[in-house]
Amino acid sequence: MITPTPWKKSSFSGGGEGNDCVEVADLDSHISIRDSKAPARAVLTFPTAAFTPFIEALKETYRTR
């Protein structure tokens, strides 16, 4: 039996219906990210150990803009 992926919506979902954000799934061996407006499209997947450095790099990129 296949278990559905436990997607969680970002707390920065925006106004209205809160669909302007990403959803994250924290699984055993990886973290997956998808666009909440198009959940059937591509999913970005990282090994768990690579997710935090990815987020930190994003924060640094937007901090310097």
N, C-alpha and C. Protein backbone atom coordinates (compact mmCIF):
# COMPACT_ATOMS: atom_id res chain seq x y z
N MET A 1 0.83 -1.18 0.00
CA MET A 1 0.00 0.00 0.00
C MET A 1 0.87 1.25 0.00
N ILE A 2 0.55 2.22 -0.82
CA ILE A 2 1.30 3.47 -0.90
C ILE A 2 0.67 4.48 0.06
N THR A 3 1.52 5.06 0.90
CA THR A 3 1.05 6.07 1.84
C THR A 3 1.11 7.44 1.18
N PRO A 4 0.07 8.26 1.29
CA PRO A 4 0.10 9.59 0.69
C PRO A 4 1.19 10.45 1.34
N THR A 5 1.76 11.33 0.58
CA THR A 5 2.80 12.22 1.08
C THR A 5 2.15 13.26 1.99
N PRO A 6 2.73 13.45 3.19
CA PRO A 6 2.16 14.41 4.15
C PRO A 6 2.61 15.85 3.87
N TRP A 7 2.00 16.49 2.90
CA TRP A 7 2.37 17.85 2.53
C TRP A 7 1.91 18.86 3.57
N LYS A 8 2.79 19.82 3.90
CA LYS A 8 2.45 20.90 4.83
C LYS A 8 2.66 22.22 4.13
N LYS A 9 1.69 23.11 4.25
CA LYS A 9 1.75 24.41 3.60
C LYS A 9 2.61 25.37 4.42
N SER A 10 3.35 26.22 3.74
CA SER A 10 4.17 27.22 4.39
C SER A 10 3.33 28.15 5.25
N SER A 11 3.92 28.65 6.33
CA SER A 11 3.21 29.61 7.18
C SER A 11 3.17 30.99 6.53
N PHE A 12 3.91 31.18 5.43
CA PHE A 12 3.92 32.44 4.67
C PHE A 12 3.07 32.29 3.42
N SER A 13 1.83 31.86 3.60
CA SER A 13 0.97 31.51 2.47
C SER A 13 0.37 32.68 1.74
N GLY A 14 0.48 33.86 2.26
CA GLY A 14 -0.12 35.01 1.59
C GLY A 14 -1.58 35.17 1.94
N GLY A 15 -2.21 36.17 1.36
CA GLY A 15 -3.61 36.46 1.66
C GLY A 15 -4.56 35.59 0.88
N GLY A 16 -5.80 35.97 0.93
CA GLY A 16 -6.82 35.23 0.17
C GLY A 16 -6.96 33.81 0.66
N GLU A 17 -6.88 32.87 -0.25
CA GLU A 17 -7.05 31.47 0.09
C GLU A 17 -5.75 30.82 0.52
N GLY A 18 -4.67 31.58 0.57
CA GLY A 18 -3.40 31.04 1.01
C GLY A 18 -2.75 30.09 0.03
N ASN A 19 -2.99 30.30 -1.26
CA ASN A 19 -2.45 29.39 -2.26
C ASN A 19 -1.15 29.86 -2.91
N ASP A 20 -0.65 31.02 -2.49
CA ASP A 20 0.57 31.56 -3.08
C ASP A 20 1.79 31.15 -2.26
N CYS A 21 2.06 29.87 -2.21
CA CYS A 21 3.17 29.42 -1.38
C CYS A 21 3.68 28.07 -1.86
N VAL A 22 4.55 27.53 -1.06
CA VAL A 22 5.06 26.19 -1.32
C VAL A 22 4.55 25.25 -0.24
N GLU A 23 4.61 23.97 -0.55
CA GLU A 23 4.28 22.93 0.41
C GLU A 23 5.52 22.06 0.56
N VAL A 24 5.74 21.57 1.77
CA VAL A 24 6.92 20.77 2.07
C VAL A 24 6.48 19.44 2.66
N ALA A 25 7.16 18.37 2.25
CA ALA A 25 6.93 17.04 2.81
C ALA A 25 8.25 16.55 3.41
N ASP A 26 8.23 16.25 4.69
CA ASP A 26 9.41 15.76 5.41
C ASP A 26 9.30 14.24 5.51
N LEU A 27 10.05 13.55 4.67
CA LEU A 27 9.99 12.10 4.61
C LEU A 27 11.25 11.50 5.25
N ASP A 28 11.32 10.19 5.36
CA ASP A 28 12.44 9.54 6.05
C ASP A 28 13.81 9.93 5.50
N SER A 29 13.98 9.87 4.20
CA SER A 29 15.31 10.07 3.63
C SER A 29 15.45 11.36 2.83
N HIS A 30 14.37 12.11 2.70
CA HIS A 30 14.45 13.33 1.89
C HIS A 30 13.35 14.33 2.26
N ILE A 31 13.54 15.54 1.76
CA ILE A 31 12.57 16.62 1.90
C ILE A 31 12.12 16.98 0.49
N SER A 32 10.82 17.10 0.29
CA SER A 32 10.29 17.47 -1.02
C SER A 32 9.55 18.80 -0.92
N ILE A 33 9.63 19.59 -1.99
CA ILE A 33 8.97 20.90 -2.05
C ILE A 33 8.18 20.95 -3.35
N ARG A 34 6.97 21.53 -3.29
CA ARG A 34 6.17 21.71 -4.50
C ARG A 34 5.42 23.04 -4.42
N ASP A 35 4.97 23.50 -5.55
CA ASP A 35 4.18 24.72 -5.66
C ASP A 35 2.73 24.38 -5.30
N SER A 36 2.17 25.08 -4.33
CA SER A 36 0.80 24.77 -3.91
C SER A 36 -0.24 25.10 -4.98
N LYS A 37 0.11 25.98 -5.93
CA LYS A 37 -0.81 26.32 -7.01
C LYS A 37 -0.84 25.25 -8.10
N ALA A 38 0.20 24.43 -8.15
CA ALA A 38 0.29 23.40 -9.18
C ALA A 38 0.87 22.12 -8.57
N PRO A 39 0.16 21.50 -7.64
CA PRO A 39 0.71 20.35 -6.92
C PRO A 39 0.98 19.11 -7.78
N ALA A 40 0.36 19.01 -8.94
CA ALA A 40 0.58 17.85 -9.80
C ALA A 40 1.83 18.01 -10.67
N ARG A 41 2.42 19.20 -10.66
CA ARG A 41 3.62 19.44 -11.47
C ARG A 41 4.85 18.97 -10.75
N ALA A 42 6.00 19.42 -11.17
CA ALA A 42 7.29 18.95 -10.66
C ALA A 42 7.46 19.17 -9.15
N VAL A 43 8.20 18.27 -8.55
CA VAL A 43 8.54 18.33 -7.13
C VAL A 43 10.06 18.42 -7.03
N LEU A 44 10.54 19.32 -6.19
CA LEU A 44 11.97 19.46 -5.94
C LEU A 44 12.29 18.64 -4.70
N THR A 45 13.25 17.71 -4.81
CA THR A 45 13.55 16.80 -3.70
C THR A 45 15.02 16.89 -3.33
N PHE A 46 15.28 16.95 -2.02
CA PHE A 46 16.63 17.04 -1.47
C PHE A 46 16.87 15.91 -0.48
N PRO A 47 18.12 15.40 -0.41
CA PRO A 47 18.44 14.53 0.73
C PRO A 47 18.25 15.38 2.00
N THR A 48 17.81 14.77 3.07
CA THR A 48 17.51 15.50 4.30
C THR A 48 18.68 16.39 4.73
N ALA A 49 19.90 15.89 4.67
CA ALA A 49 21.07 16.66 5.12
C ALA A 49 21.35 17.88 4.26
N ALA A 50 20.85 17.93 3.03
CA ALA A 50 21.11 19.06 2.13
C ALA A 50 20.04 20.15 2.24
N PHE A 51 18.93 19.87 2.90
CA PHE A 51 17.82 20.83 2.92
C PHE A 51 18.16 22.09 3.71
N THR A 52 18.71 21.95 4.90
CA THR A 52 19.05 23.12 5.71
C THR A 52 20.06 24.02 5.02
N PRO A 53 21.16 23.50 4.47
CA PRO A 53 22.07 24.39 3.73
C PRO A 53 21.39 25.09 2.54
N PHE A 54 20.45 24.42 1.88
CA PHE A 54 19.72 25.03 0.78
C PHE A 54 18.90 26.23 1.28
N ILE A 55 18.17 26.05 2.37
CA ILE A 55 17.35 27.13 2.93
C ILE A 55 18.24 28.27 3.42
N GLU A 56 19.35 27.96 4.06
CA GLU A 56 20.27 29.00 4.53
C GLU A 56 20.83 29.81 3.36
N ALA A 57 21.14 29.14 2.25
CA ALA A 57 21.64 29.84 1.07
C ALA A 57 20.56 30.76 0.48
N LEU A 58 19.31 30.30 0.49
CA LEU A 58 18.21 31.16 0.02
C LEU A 58 18.07 32.40 0.90
N LYS A 59 18.13 32.20 2.21
CA LYS A 59 18.02 33.33 3.14
C LYS A 59 19.13 34.34 2.88
N GLU A 60 20.35 33.85 2.69
CA GLU A 60 21.49 34.74 2.46
C GLU A 60 21.33 35.49 1.15
N THR A 61 20.85 34.82 0.12
CA THR A 61 20.64 35.46 -1.17
C THR A 61 19.64 36.60 -1.06
N TYR A 62 18.55 36.39 -0.37
CA TYR A 62 17.53 37.42 -0.26
C TYR A 62 17.88 38.49 0.76
N ARG A 63 18.76 38.18 1.70
CA ARG A 63 19.20 39.16 2.68
C ARG A 63 20.09 40.21 2.03
N THR A 64 20.83 39.81 1.00
CA THR A 64 21.79 40.72 0.35
C THR A 64 21.17 41.50 -0.79
N ARG A 65 19.91 41.32 -1.08
CA ARG A 65 19.25 42.05 -2.18
C ARG A 65 18.69 43.35 -1.71
